[in-house]
N, C-alpha and C. Protein backbone atom coordinates (compact mmCIF):
# COMPACT_ATOMS: atom_id res chain seq x y z
N MET A 1 -13.06 141.03 297.15
CA MET A 1 -11.78 140.41 297.08
C MET A 1 -11.91 138.97 297.69
N THR A 2 -11.51 137.97 296.88
CA THR A 2 -11.54 136.58 297.33
C THR A 2 -10.24 136.26 298.15
N SER A 3 -10.38 135.26 298.85
CA SER A 3 -9.21 134.83 299.69
C SER A 3 -8.04 134.22 298.86
N LEU A 4 -8.34 133.62 297.73
CA LEU A 4 -7.24 132.95 297.02
C LEU A 4 -6.27 134.07 296.45
N PRO A 5 -6.81 135.13 295.73
CA PRO A 5 -5.88 136.08 295.24
C PRO A 5 -5.10 136.77 296.35
N SER A 6 -5.73 137.05 297.53
CA SER A 6 -5.01 137.69 298.57
C SER A 6 -3.96 136.68 299.18
N PHE A 7 -4.24 135.42 299.21
CA PHE A 7 -3.25 134.47 299.64
C PHE A 7 -2.06 134.40 298.70
N ASP A 8 -2.35 134.46 297.38
CA ASP A 8 -1.25 134.51 296.30
C ASP A 8 -0.38 135.78 296.56
N ASN A 9 -1.01 136.89 296.79
CA ASN A 9 -0.30 138.13 296.95
C ASN A 9 0.57 138.13 298.23
N ALA A 10 -0.04 137.68 299.25
CA ALA A 10 0.61 137.70 300.61
C ALA A 10 1.73 136.72 300.75
N TYR A 11 1.58 135.55 300.16
CA TYR A 11 2.54 134.45 300.37
C TYR A 11 3.31 134.09 299.11
N GLY A 12 2.95 134.68 298.02
CA GLY A 12 3.73 134.42 296.74
C GLY A 12 3.52 133.04 296.12
N GLY A 13 2.39 132.42 296.41
CA GLY A 13 2.09 131.12 295.83
C GLY A 13 0.61 130.80 296.00
N GLY A 14 0.16 129.86 295.28
CA GLY A 14 -1.22 129.55 295.30
C GLY A 14 -1.56 128.53 296.43
N LEU A 15 -2.80 128.33 296.55
CA LEU A 15 -3.32 127.47 297.56
C LEU A 15 -2.85 126.01 297.41
N THR A 16 -2.75 125.59 296.13
CA THR A 16 -2.31 124.22 295.96
C THR A 16 -0.81 124.10 296.38
N ASP A 17 -0.02 125.11 296.11
CA ASP A 17 1.41 125.08 296.50
C ASP A 17 1.47 125.04 297.99
N ALA A 18 0.63 125.83 298.70
CA ALA A 18 0.55 125.82 300.20
C ALA A 18 0.16 124.39 300.73
N MET A 19 -0.80 123.82 300.11
CA MET A 19 -1.26 122.53 300.54
C MET A 19 -0.18 121.44 300.34
N ARG A 20 0.51 121.56 299.24
CA ARG A 20 1.60 120.64 298.92
C ARG A 20 2.73 120.81 299.97
N MET A 21 3.08 122.01 300.28
CA MET A 21 4.10 122.24 301.23
C MET A 21 3.71 121.84 302.67
N THR A 22 2.40 122.07 303.03
CA THR A 22 1.92 121.68 304.31
C THR A 22 1.90 120.17 304.48
N ARG A 23 1.45 119.50 303.44
CA ARG A 23 1.42 117.97 303.47
C ARG A 23 2.84 117.44 303.56
N THR A 24 3.75 117.99 302.83
CA THR A 24 5.13 117.56 302.90
C THR A 24 5.74 117.78 304.22
N ALA A 25 5.43 119.00 304.82
CA ALA A 25 6.00 119.26 306.20
C ALA A 25 5.46 118.30 307.22
N GLN A 26 4.16 117.97 307.16
CA GLN A 26 3.56 117.03 308.08
C GLN A 26 4.17 115.67 307.99
N LEU A 27 4.34 115.21 306.73
CA LEU A 27 4.96 113.87 306.48
C LEU A 27 6.45 113.90 306.93
N TYR A 28 7.14 114.92 306.70
CA TYR A 28 8.54 115.02 307.07
C TYR A 28 8.64 114.89 308.60
N ALA A 29 7.75 115.66 309.32
CA ALA A 29 7.79 115.54 310.78
C ALA A 29 7.43 114.12 311.31
N SER A 30 6.45 113.53 310.66
CA SER A 30 6.05 112.18 311.02
C SER A 30 7.18 111.18 310.78
N ARG A 31 7.79 111.32 309.62
CA ARG A 31 8.93 110.38 309.30
C ARG A 31 10.09 110.55 310.21
N GLU A 32 10.38 111.83 310.63
CA GLU A 32 11.50 112.08 311.55
C GLU A 32 11.15 111.57 312.94
N ALA A 33 9.88 111.63 313.32
CA ALA A 33 9.43 111.10 314.66
C ALA A 33 9.59 109.55 314.63
N ASN A 34 9.24 108.92 313.53
CA ASN A 34 9.46 107.47 313.38
C ASN A 34 10.97 107.19 313.51
N ARG A 35 11.76 107.94 312.84
CA ARG A 35 13.17 107.65 312.82
C ARG A 35 13.75 107.84 314.26
N ALA A 36 13.25 108.83 314.99
CA ALA A 36 13.71 109.00 316.35
C ALA A 36 13.36 107.81 317.23
N MET A 37 12.20 107.25 316.92
CA MET A 37 11.83 105.99 317.70
C MET A 37 12.75 104.87 317.28
N TYR A 38 13.11 104.76 316.00
CA TYR A 38 14.02 103.73 315.59
C TYR A 38 15.39 103.85 316.28
N VAL A 39 15.91 105.09 316.34
CA VAL A 39 17.15 105.34 316.98
C VAL A 39 17.14 105.05 318.51
N ALA A 40 16.00 105.42 319.15
CA ALA A 40 15.85 105.16 320.59
C ALA A 40 15.79 103.69 320.82
N ASN A 41 15.44 102.91 319.95
CA ASN A 41 15.33 101.48 320.03
C ASN A 41 16.31 100.64 319.16
N ASP A 42 17.45 101.21 318.96
CA ASP A 42 18.40 100.62 318.01
C ASP A 42 18.93 99.29 318.42
N ASP A 43 18.64 98.86 319.65
CA ASP A 43 18.99 97.47 320.02
C ASP A 43 18.08 96.47 319.38
N VAL A 44 16.90 96.92 318.98
CA VAL A 44 15.90 96.04 318.27
C VAL A 44 15.76 96.50 316.80
N VAL A 45 15.65 97.78 316.61
CA VAL A 45 15.48 98.31 315.19
C VAL A 45 16.79 98.65 314.60
N THR A 46 17.26 97.82 313.62
CA THR A 46 18.57 97.92 313.11
C THR A 46 18.64 98.93 311.90
N GLY A 47 17.50 99.38 311.46
CA GLY A 47 17.41 100.32 310.32
C GLY A 47 15.98 100.43 309.84
N TRP A 48 15.79 100.94 308.61
CA TRP A 48 14.39 101.09 308.13
C TRP A 48 14.43 100.77 306.63
N MET A 49 13.26 100.33 306.17
CA MET A 49 13.05 100.04 304.76
C MET A 49 12.14 101.06 304.09
N TRP A 50 12.51 101.50 302.94
CA TRP A 50 11.70 102.39 302.11
C TRP A 50 10.53 101.61 301.55
N TYR A 51 9.35 102.05 301.84
CA TYR A 51 8.08 101.36 301.44
C TYR A 51 7.25 102.25 300.59
N SER A 52 6.95 101.95 299.29
CA SER A 52 6.22 102.74 298.38
C SER A 52 4.87 102.15 298.16
N SER A 53 3.88 102.84 297.61
CA SER A 53 2.53 102.37 297.36
C SER A 53 2.56 101.38 296.20
N LEU A 54 3.50 101.49 295.27
CA LEU A 54 3.53 100.65 294.09
C LEU A 54 2.23 100.49 293.39
N ASP A 55 1.84 101.57 292.77
CA ASP A 55 0.69 101.59 291.92
C ASP A 55 0.97 102.58 290.74
N ALA A 56 0.01 102.77 289.90
CA ALA A 56 0.27 103.59 288.66
C ALA A 56 0.55 104.97 289.01
N ASP A 57 0.25 105.51 290.20
CA ASP A 57 0.61 106.89 290.55
C ASP A 57 1.92 107.01 291.26
N THR A 58 2.65 105.92 291.50
CA THR A 58 3.96 105.94 292.16
C THR A 58 5.00 106.48 291.15
N CYS A 59 5.78 107.54 291.63
CA CYS A 59 6.76 108.04 290.72
C CYS A 59 7.91 106.99 290.54
N MET A 60 8.67 107.11 289.52
CA MET A 60 9.80 106.16 289.23
C MET A 60 10.81 106.14 290.34
N ALA A 61 11.12 107.32 290.94
CA ALA A 61 12.16 107.39 291.93
C ALA A 61 11.72 106.60 293.15
N CYS A 62 10.45 106.72 293.53
CA CYS A 62 9.93 105.98 294.72
C CYS A 62 9.86 104.51 294.37
N ALA A 63 9.48 104.17 293.18
CA ALA A 63 9.42 102.74 292.83
C ALA A 63 10.74 102.11 292.92
N ILE A 64 11.78 102.81 292.53
CA ILE A 64 13.14 102.29 292.55
C ILE A 64 13.62 102.14 294.04
N GLU A 65 13.27 103.10 294.87
CA GLU A 65 13.61 103.07 296.28
C GLU A 65 12.89 102.02 297.12
N HIS A 66 11.72 101.56 296.63
CA HIS A 66 10.92 100.55 297.38
C HIS A 66 11.77 99.36 297.79
N GLY A 67 11.76 99.02 299.06
CA GLY A 67 12.43 97.78 299.50
C GLY A 67 13.95 98.00 299.86
N THR A 68 14.44 99.23 299.60
CA THR A 68 15.84 99.46 299.97
C THR A 68 15.98 99.68 301.47
N ILE A 69 17.07 99.19 302.03
CA ILE A 69 17.32 99.29 303.54
C ILE A 69 18.25 100.46 303.85
N HIS A 70 17.89 101.22 304.82
CA HIS A 70 18.69 102.39 305.27
C HIS A 70 19.01 102.25 306.70
N SER A 71 20.09 102.95 307.08
CA SER A 71 20.48 102.99 308.49
C SER A 71 19.62 103.95 309.29
N ASN A 72 19.59 103.79 310.59
CA ASN A 72 18.72 104.66 311.47
C ASN A 72 19.21 106.12 311.48
N ASP A 73 20.50 106.33 311.13
CA ASP A 73 20.97 107.71 311.05
C ASP A 73 20.68 108.44 309.74
N GLU A 74 20.04 107.74 308.78
CA GLU A 74 19.65 108.30 307.54
C GLU A 74 18.25 108.73 307.50
N SER A 75 17.98 109.99 307.13
CA SER A 75 16.56 110.42 307.14
C SER A 75 15.96 110.02 305.78
N MET A 76 14.65 109.97 305.77
CA MET A 76 13.87 109.63 304.58
C MET A 76 13.65 110.89 303.76
N ASP A 77 14.60 111.21 302.88
CA ASP A 77 14.48 112.48 302.07
C ASP A 77 13.70 112.26 300.87
N SER A 78 12.40 112.14 301.00
CA SER A 78 11.55 111.97 299.91
C SER A 78 11.10 113.31 299.23
N HIS A 79 10.40 113.19 298.19
CA HIS A 79 10.03 114.46 297.44
C HIS A 79 8.73 115.03 297.96
N TYR A 80 8.34 116.19 297.53
CA TYR A 80 7.08 116.83 297.86
C TYR A 80 5.91 115.89 297.51
N ASN A 81 5.01 115.78 298.39
CA ASN A 81 3.74 114.98 298.22
C ASN A 81 4.03 113.48 298.15
N CYS A 82 5.18 113.05 298.58
CA CYS A 82 5.50 111.66 298.51
C CYS A 82 4.55 110.81 299.40
N ARG A 83 4.12 109.67 298.90
CA ARG A 83 3.18 108.84 299.70
C ARG A 83 3.95 107.66 300.32
N CYS A 84 5.29 107.62 300.22
CA CYS A 84 6.05 106.54 300.85
C CYS A 84 6.16 106.66 302.34
N THR A 85 6.58 105.55 302.95
CA THR A 85 6.78 105.51 304.37
C THR A 85 8.02 104.69 304.66
N SER A 86 8.42 104.72 305.98
CA SER A 86 9.48 103.84 306.37
C SER A 86 8.94 102.76 307.23
N ILE A 87 9.52 101.57 307.07
CA ILE A 87 9.07 100.41 307.92
C ILE A 87 10.35 99.97 308.72
N PRO A 88 10.28 99.83 310.00
CA PRO A 88 11.40 99.48 310.78
C PRO A 88 11.96 98.08 310.41
N VAL A 89 13.23 97.97 310.38
CA VAL A 89 13.90 96.70 310.16
C VAL A 89 14.23 96.13 311.59
N VAL A 90 13.56 95.07 311.96
CA VAL A 90 13.67 94.53 313.34
C VAL A 90 14.68 93.39 313.34
N ALA A 91 15.59 93.44 314.29
CA ALA A 91 16.60 92.39 314.44
C ALA A 91 15.93 91.04 314.65
N GLY A 92 16.42 90.07 313.86
CA GLY A 92 15.94 88.73 314.02
C GLY A 92 14.64 88.43 313.18
N TYR A 93 14.14 89.41 312.50
CA TYR A 93 12.93 89.30 311.72
C TYR A 93 13.26 89.60 310.31
N ASP A 94 13.13 88.61 309.39
CA ASP A 94 13.50 88.79 308.05
C ASP A 94 12.20 88.96 307.23
N ASP A 95 11.85 90.17 306.93
CA ASP A 95 10.66 90.49 306.19
C ASP A 95 10.99 90.61 304.74
N LYS A 96 10.65 89.63 304.04
CA LYS A 96 10.92 89.59 302.50
C LYS A 96 9.92 90.51 301.79
N VAL A 97 10.40 91.49 301.12
CA VAL A 97 9.67 92.45 300.37
C VAL A 97 10.14 92.45 298.94
N GLN A 98 9.24 92.37 298.03
CA GLN A 98 9.61 92.52 296.60
C GLN A 98 10.24 93.90 296.34
N THR A 99 11.36 93.97 295.62
CA THR A 99 11.90 95.28 295.36
C THR A 99 11.10 96.03 294.33
N GLY A 100 11.24 97.31 294.35
CA GLY A 100 10.48 98.10 293.38
C GLY A 100 10.88 97.79 291.90
N ALA A 101 12.17 97.46 291.71
CA ALA A 101 12.63 97.16 290.37
C ALA A 101 11.92 95.84 289.97
N ASP A 102 11.87 94.82 290.81
CA ASP A 102 11.17 93.56 290.44
C ASP A 102 9.73 93.80 290.22
N TRP A 103 9.05 94.64 291.02
CA TRP A 103 7.63 94.98 290.80
C TRP A 103 7.49 95.65 289.41
N PHE A 104 8.36 96.55 289.08
CA PHE A 104 8.23 97.32 287.83
C PHE A 104 8.49 96.37 286.64
N ASN A 105 9.48 95.48 286.81
CA ASN A 105 9.76 94.57 285.66
C ASN A 105 8.68 93.58 285.43
N ASN A 106 7.74 93.41 286.36
CA ASN A 106 6.63 92.46 286.19
C ASN A 106 5.34 93.20 285.66
N LEU A 107 5.45 94.50 285.42
CA LEU A 107 4.32 95.25 284.82
C LEU A 107 4.30 95.00 283.32
N SER A 108 3.08 95.27 282.72
CA SER A 108 3.04 95.20 281.25
C SER A 108 3.79 96.27 280.62
N GLU A 109 4.11 96.15 279.35
CA GLU A 109 4.86 97.19 278.67
C GLU A 109 4.05 98.53 278.68
N LYS A 110 2.74 98.50 278.52
CA LYS A 110 1.95 99.71 278.58
C LYS A 110 2.07 100.36 279.92
N GLN A 111 1.96 99.59 281.00
CA GLN A 111 2.09 100.16 282.32
C GLN A 111 3.50 100.82 282.50
N GLN A 112 4.52 100.15 282.09
CA GLN A 112 5.83 100.66 282.24
C GLN A 112 5.98 101.98 281.39
N ARG A 113 5.48 102.00 280.15
CA ARG A 113 5.51 103.23 279.35
C ARG A 113 4.79 104.43 280.02
N ASP A 114 3.60 104.05 280.61
CA ASP A 114 2.78 105.04 281.30
C ASP A 114 3.57 105.68 282.41
N MET A 115 4.24 104.86 283.17
CA MET A 115 5.04 105.34 284.36
C MET A 115 6.28 106.13 283.92
N MET A 116 7.01 105.57 282.93
CA MET A 116 8.29 106.17 282.57
C MET A 116 8.20 107.29 281.54
N GLY A 117 7.13 107.25 280.67
CA GLY A 117 7.11 108.15 279.53
C GLY A 117 7.80 107.38 278.35
N ASN A 118 7.32 107.68 277.18
CA ASN A 118 7.80 106.95 275.98
C ASN A 118 9.27 107.05 275.77
N SER A 119 9.82 108.26 275.83
CA SER A 119 11.25 108.42 275.51
C SER A 119 12.14 107.70 276.52
N ALA A 120 11.84 107.86 277.79
CA ALA A 120 12.64 107.13 278.82
C ALA A 120 12.40 105.63 278.69
N PHE A 121 11.22 105.15 278.44
CA PHE A 121 11.01 103.74 278.31
C PHE A 121 11.84 103.14 277.13
N ASP A 122 11.83 103.86 275.93
CA ASP A 122 12.56 103.35 274.80
C ASP A 122 14.12 103.39 275.10
N ALA A 123 14.57 104.40 275.77
CA ALA A 123 16.01 104.50 276.14
C ALA A 123 16.40 103.40 277.12
N TRP A 124 15.55 103.08 278.09
CA TRP A 124 15.72 102.02 279.04
C TRP A 124 15.79 100.68 278.28
N LYS A 125 14.79 100.45 277.48
CA LYS A 125 14.77 99.21 276.72
C LYS A 125 15.98 98.98 275.76
N ASP A 126 16.47 100.12 275.31
CA ASP A 126 17.66 100.12 274.48
C ASP A 126 18.94 99.90 275.26
N GLY A 127 18.82 99.78 276.56
CA GLY A 127 20.03 99.63 277.42
C GLY A 127 20.86 100.86 277.66
N LYS A 128 20.34 102.01 277.48
CA LYS A 128 20.98 103.29 277.65
C LYS A 128 21.16 103.67 279.14
N PHE A 129 20.43 103.15 280.00
CA PHE A 129 20.58 103.32 281.49
C PHE A 129 19.93 102.18 282.18
N ASP A 130 20.35 102.01 283.47
CA ASP A 130 19.77 101.02 284.32
C ASP A 130 18.61 101.63 285.07
N LEU A 131 17.69 100.77 285.38
CA LEU A 131 16.44 101.28 286.10
C LEU A 131 16.78 101.93 287.42
N ALA A 132 17.83 101.47 288.09
CA ALA A 132 18.23 102.07 289.34
C ALA A 132 18.71 103.53 289.20
N ASP A 133 19.16 103.91 287.98
CA ASP A 133 19.58 105.22 287.74
C ASP A 133 18.52 106.30 287.73
N MET A 134 17.20 105.82 287.68
CA MET A 134 16.11 106.79 287.61
C MET A 134 15.90 107.55 288.95
N ALA A 135 16.50 107.11 290.04
CA ALA A 135 16.36 107.83 291.28
C ALA A 135 17.64 108.65 291.57
N THR A 136 17.41 109.88 291.94
CA THR A 136 18.60 110.77 292.28
C THR A 136 18.17 111.63 293.46
N ARG A 137 19.09 112.51 293.81
CA ARG A 137 18.78 113.50 294.89
C ARG A 137 18.99 114.83 294.33
N ARG A 138 18.14 115.78 294.72
CA ARG A 138 18.22 117.24 294.31
C ARG A 138 18.19 118.09 295.58
N HIS A 139 18.75 119.23 295.50
CA HIS A 139 18.68 120.18 296.68
C HIS A 139 17.45 120.92 296.65
N ASP A 140 16.78 121.08 297.79
CA ASP A 140 15.60 121.95 297.97
C ASP A 140 15.97 122.90 299.08
N ASP A 141 15.55 124.17 298.81
CA ASP A 141 15.98 125.24 299.80
C ASP A 141 15.34 125.07 301.16
N VAL A 142 14.21 124.38 301.19
CA VAL A 142 13.54 124.12 302.52
C VAL A 142 14.04 122.85 303.13
N TYR A 143 14.09 121.75 302.40
CA TYR A 143 14.21 120.44 303.05
C TYR A 143 15.62 119.89 302.81
N GLY A 144 16.46 120.54 302.05
CA GLY A 144 17.78 119.94 301.75
C GLY A 144 17.68 119.05 300.66
N GLU A 145 18.38 117.84 300.76
CA GLU A 145 18.43 116.82 299.71
C GLU A 145 17.05 116.15 299.73
N MET A 146 16.53 116.02 298.50
CA MET A 146 15.24 115.32 298.34
C MET A 146 15.30 114.32 297.19
N LEU A 147 14.60 113.30 297.26
CA LEU A 147 14.51 112.22 296.18
C LEU A 147 13.88 112.92 294.97
N ALA A 148 14.37 112.53 293.79
CA ALA A 148 13.82 113.08 292.57
C ALA A 148 14.10 112.01 291.51
N ARG A 149 13.24 112.12 290.49
CA ARG A 149 13.40 111.33 289.26
C ARG A 149 14.55 111.93 288.47
N THR A 150 15.46 111.12 288.04
CA THR A 150 16.53 111.64 287.28
C THR A 150 16.09 112.07 285.85
N PRO A 151 16.31 113.31 285.40
CA PRO A 151 15.89 113.67 284.13
C PRO A 151 16.47 112.84 283.00
N LEU A 152 15.82 112.59 281.95
CA LEU A 152 16.21 111.75 280.90
C LEU A 152 17.56 112.30 280.24
N GLN A 153 17.64 113.58 280.21
CA GLN A 153 18.87 114.21 279.70
C GLN A 153 20.11 113.87 280.50
N ASP A 154 19.95 113.76 281.80
CA ASP A 154 21.05 113.38 282.66
C ASP A 154 21.36 111.89 282.54
N LEU A 155 20.33 111.10 282.17
CA LEU A 155 20.54 109.66 282.00
C LEU A 155 21.34 109.25 280.66
N ILE A 156 20.90 109.97 279.60
CA ILE A 156 21.47 109.59 278.29
C ILE A 156 22.07 110.70 277.50
N GLY A 157 22.14 111.93 278.05
CA GLY A 157 22.77 112.97 277.36
C GLY A 157 21.83 113.79 276.51
N ASN A 158 22.18 114.15 275.32
CA ASN A 158 21.43 115.06 274.50
C ASN A 158 20.07 114.40 274.11
N VAL A 159 19.00 115.08 274.53
CA VAL A 159 17.66 114.59 274.24
C VAL A 159 16.91 115.65 273.49
N THR A 160 16.21 115.23 272.44
CA THR A 160 15.41 116.20 271.67
C THR A 160 13.95 116.31 272.03
N THR A 161 13.64 115.92 273.23
CA THR A 161 12.19 116.01 273.64
C THR A 161 12.12 116.74 274.94
N ASP A 162 10.97 117.38 275.17
CA ASP A 162 10.79 118.02 276.47
C ASP A 162 10.70 117.02 277.63
N GLU A 163 10.70 115.70 277.31
CA GLU A 163 10.66 114.71 278.39
C GLU A 163 11.88 114.76 279.26
N SER A 164 12.96 115.38 278.82
CA SER A 164 14.19 115.48 279.54
C SER A 164 14.03 116.26 280.83
N ILE A 165 13.03 117.07 280.90
CA ILE A 165 12.78 117.87 282.17
C ILE A 165 11.45 117.51 282.81
N THR A 166 10.86 116.33 282.44
CA THR A 166 9.65 115.92 283.01
C THR A 166 9.80 115.54 284.49
N GLN A 167 8.93 116.00 285.28
CA GLN A 167 8.88 115.57 286.76
C GLN A 167 7.67 114.76 286.87
N ASP A 168 7.53 114.22 288.04
CA ASP A 168 6.40 113.28 288.31
C ASP A 168 5.18 114.00 288.86
N TYR A 169 5.36 115.19 289.48
CA TYR A 169 4.21 115.83 290.13
C TYR A 169 4.12 117.28 289.74
N ASP A 170 2.82 117.70 289.38
CA ASP A 170 2.61 119.01 289.00
C ASP A 170 2.42 119.88 290.31
N THR A 171 2.96 121.13 290.25
CA THR A 171 2.74 122.01 291.40
C THR A 171 1.41 122.66 291.33
N THR A 172 0.62 122.52 290.25
CA THR A 172 -0.68 123.22 290.11
C THR A 172 -1.80 122.36 290.57
N GLU A 173 -1.60 121.10 290.75
CA GLU A 173 -2.69 120.18 291.31
C GLU A 173 -2.01 119.26 292.30
N THR A 174 -2.33 119.36 293.51
CA THR A 174 -1.68 118.63 294.62
C THR A 174 -1.62 117.16 294.33
N GLY A 175 -0.36 116.70 294.14
CA GLY A 175 -0.08 115.28 294.05
C GLY A 175 -0.58 114.58 292.82
N LYS A 176 -1.10 115.29 291.83
CA LYS A 176 -1.66 114.61 290.69
C LYS A 176 -0.53 114.20 289.74
N PRO A 177 -0.38 112.93 289.43
CA PRO A 177 0.70 112.58 288.51
C PRO A 177 0.45 113.16 287.17
N ILE A 178 1.51 113.54 286.50
CA ILE A 178 1.44 114.20 285.25
C ILE A 178 2.40 113.62 284.23
N LYS A 179 2.48 112.29 284.10
CA LYS A 179 3.40 111.64 283.21
C LYS A 179 3.40 112.33 281.88
N ASP A 180 4.55 112.53 281.30
CA ASP A 180 4.76 113.05 279.93
C ASP A 180 4.34 114.50 279.81
N GLN A 181 4.33 115.25 280.84
CA GLN A 181 4.15 116.69 280.76
C GLN A 181 5.35 117.40 281.27
N THR A 182 5.62 118.61 280.80
CA THR A 182 6.78 119.35 281.25
C THR A 182 6.55 120.13 282.44
N VAL A 183 7.22 119.94 283.50
CA VAL A 183 7.14 120.66 284.76
C VAL A 183 8.50 120.88 285.24
N TYR A 184 8.80 122.09 285.79
CA TYR A 184 10.16 122.43 286.08
C TYR A 184 10.50 122.22 287.55
N ARG A 185 9.51 121.87 288.41
CA ARG A 185 9.74 121.80 289.83
C ARG A 185 8.75 120.90 290.46
N TYR A 186 9.07 120.12 291.52
CA TYR A 186 8.09 119.31 292.22
C TYR A 186 7.07 120.17 292.80
């Protein structure tokens, strides 16, 4: 008997799912510790900024959140395996950061298509939704509200492609982007 099948039987999920959940729990704890530090120093730290990696592996929801300012009483409710972090907003220091939308708009069409998927890209270019609409919140039984990419069906209504339920991260391979594949859960 190998350990992987016994892990699946004992805990109802695979090793990758356990790694995804463990990484997410560690990052959640770290982000909340940072936020506690921001709150404890609210005379100097007036809030926090969502900061994303901004590369080809960044999900659309995180790209949209990049550069947004949040109050210290708001937790960073990111998705499973999120690579984003919070950066303190310090009183009297104006740190100019390019927004995620500006970064995305400066990418080539191919890069934009690769990140959004063809159907979403075409709908966006046709003016059927705003780029900011690609980020939403969904309920998770463990973490509560979490950042998520808005399904194309929610953005434009009736969609005839499986892209309407595309998510950004596969649960079978930890953190591997899966643009244009159908996945039902982070």
